[in-house]
Structures are given as structure tokens and as C-alpha cells.
Amino acid sequence: MDRSKKLRKAIYKIDESMKNKFPIKNTKDILEDEINYCQKLIKVVEKEDNLKSKGTIEPSKRNSC
């Protein structure tokens, strides 16, 4: 859950309005749930052209999920 949290924070620095577009946060400490959440999170990020134009996410955050 720590990795997805770091990724969200990195994205919020670029565009705080993304909070409204992200899936509901994973609150369970179950690996399968975290993987599922990360996959949903990545799909949302990939669809957002404005993230591409405003800046990049550090590679360590990008590969965190």
C-alpha cells in the first residue's frame, strides 16, 4: 500500500484534481487487492493527457506499482 500511496502523491504534485478521478483507495493489506488497485490507478493515469504535458513522474514512482 505504501507504493501506491507514493505514486498518488507524486501525481497530486502535478495535478491535484486527479484525486477525484482515482479509484477508491485500497485499505486492505492483501497483495491481490493492492495489485488490482494499482492496475486501476495506472489505467486512469494513462488516459490523462494533461499529466504528460505538465511534467513527468519520477521513474522510482512510476515503477512503484
C-alpha atoms as a PDB file:
ATOM      1  CA  MET A   1       0.000   0.000   0.000  1.00  0.00           C
ATOM      2  CA  ASP A   2       2.980   2.258   0.517  1.00  0.00           C
ATOM      3  CA  ARG A   3       3.946   2.179  -3.159  1.00  0.00           C
ATOM      4  CA  SER A   4       0.534   3.208  -4.427  1.00  0.00           C
ATOM      5  CA  LYS A   5       0.472   5.982  -1.835  1.00  0.00           C
ATOM      6  CA  LYS A   6       3.802   7.339  -3.102  1.00  0.00           C
ATOM      7  CA  LEU A   7       2.574   7.187  -6.688  1.00  0.00           C
ATOM      8  CA  ARG A   8      -0.615   9.087  -5.824  1.00  0.00           C
ATOM      9  CA  LYS A   9       1.360  11.775  -4.001  1.00  0.00           C
ATOM     10  CA  ALA A  10       3.698  12.213  -6.985  1.00  0.00           C
ATOM     11  CA  ILE A  11       0.698  12.629  -9.275  1.00  0.00           C
ATOM     12  CA  TYR A  12      -1.024  15.075  -6.915  1.00  0.00           C
ATOM     13  CA  LYS A  13       2.048  17.317  -7.150  1.00  0.00           C
ATOM     14  CA  ILE A  14       1.428  17.548 -10.889  1.00  0.00           C
ATOM     15  CA  ASP A  15      -2.369  17.745 -10.829  1.00  0.00           C
ATOM     16  CA  GLU A  16      -4.270  17.733  -7.550  1.00  0.00           C
ATOM     17  CA  SER A  17      -7.609  17.396  -9.350  1.00  0.00           C
ATOM     18  CA  MET A  18      -6.699  13.778 -10.108  1.00  0.00           C
ATOM     19  CA  LYS A  19      -7.944  12.908  -6.611  1.00  0.00           C
ATOM     20  CA  ASN A  20     -11.467  12.988  -7.991  1.00  0.00           C
ATOM     21  CA  LYS A  21     -10.624  10.621 -10.838  1.00  0.00           C
ATOM     22  CA  PHE A  22      -8.750   7.914  -8.964  1.00  0.00           C
ATOM     23  CA  PRO A  23     -10.390   4.677  -7.851  1.00  0.00           C
ATOM     24  CA  ILE A  24     -11.253   4.201  -4.197  1.00  0.00           C
ATOM     25  CA  LYS A  25      -8.065   3.586  -2.222  1.00  0.00           C
ATOM     26  CA  ASN A  26      -7.180   0.080  -1.183  1.00  0.00           C
ATOM     27  CA  THR A  27      -7.428  -0.232   2.589  1.00  0.00           C
ATOM     28  CA  LYS A  28      -6.728  -3.950   2.894  1.00  0.00           C
ATOM     29  CA  ASP A  29      -3.232  -5.281   3.336  1.00  0.00           C
ATOM     30  CA  ILE A  30      -3.835  -8.059   0.823  1.00  0.00           C
ATOM     31  CA  LEU A  31      -1.438  -8.324  -2.107  1.00  0.00           C
ATOM     32  CA  GLU A  32      -4.098  -9.185  -4.697  1.00  0.00           C
ATOM     33  CA  ASP A  33      -6.186  -6.158  -3.682  1.00  0.00           C
ATOM     34  CA  GLU A  34      -3.165  -3.870  -3.936  1.00  0.00           C
ATOM     35  CA  ILE A  35      -2.263  -5.211  -7.378  1.00  0.00           C
ATOM     36  CA  ASN A  36      -5.850  -4.709  -8.543  1.00  0.00           C
ATOM     37  CA  TYR A  37      -5.873  -1.151  -7.179  1.00  0.00           C
ATOM     38  CA  CYS A  38      -2.546  -0.346  -8.863  1.00  0.00           C
ATOM     39  CA  GLN A  39      -3.829  -1.635 -12.204  1.00  0.00           C
ATOM     40  CA  LYS A  40      -6.894   0.623 -11.929  1.00  0.00           C
ATOM     41  CA  LEU A  41      -4.711   3.561 -10.896  1.00  0.00           C
ATOM     42  CA  ILE A  42      -2.384   3.061 -13.862  1.00  0.00           C
ATOM     43  CA  LYS A  43      -5.314   2.923 -16.299  1.00  0.00           C
ATOM     44  CA  VAL A  44      -6.592   6.280 -15.039  1.00  0.00           C
ATOM     45  CA  VAL A  45      -3.146   7.878 -15.276  1.00  0.00           C
ATOM     46  CA  GLU A  46      -2.538   6.564 -18.792  1.00  0.00           C
ATOM     47  CA  LYS A  47      -5.755   8.194 -20.015  1.00  0.00           C
ATOM     48  CA  GLU A  48      -4.792  11.650 -18.728  1.00  0.00           C
ATOM     49  CA  ASP A  49      -3.025  13.664 -21.418  1.00  0.00           C
ATOM     50  CA  ASN A  50      -2.669  16.617 -19.050  1.00  0.00           C
ATOM     51  CA  LEU A  51      -0.227  14.641 -16.900  1.00  0.00           C
ATOM     52  CA  LYS A  52       2.017  14.187 -19.906  1.00  0.00           C
ATOM     53  CA  SER A  53       2.100  17.906 -20.652  1.00  0.00           C
ATOM     54  CA  LYS A  54       2.537  19.161 -17.072  1.00  0.00           C
ATOM     55  CA  GLY A  55       5.555  17.088 -16.173  1.00  0.00           C
ATOM     56  CA  THR A  56       6.799  13.629 -15.551  1.00  0.00           C
ATOM     57  CA  ILE A  57       6.647  11.344 -12.603  1.00  0.00           C
ATOM     58  CA  GLU A  58       9.980  10.259 -11.204  1.00  0.00           C
ATOM     59  CA  PRO A  59      10.937   6.799 -12.505  1.00  0.00           C
ATOM     60  CA  SER A  60      11.006   5.432  -8.962  1.00  0.00           C
ATOM     61  CA  LYS A  61       7.349   6.424  -8.506  1.00  0.00           C
ATOM     62  CA  ARG A  62       6.322   5.364 -11.999  1.00  0.00           C
ATOM     63  CA  ASN A  63       7.566   1.818 -11.441  1.00  0.00           C
ATOM     64  CA  SER A  64       6.305   1.552  -7.900  1.00  0.00           C
ATOM     65  CA  CYS A  65       3.051  -0.294  -8.532  1.00  0.00           C
END
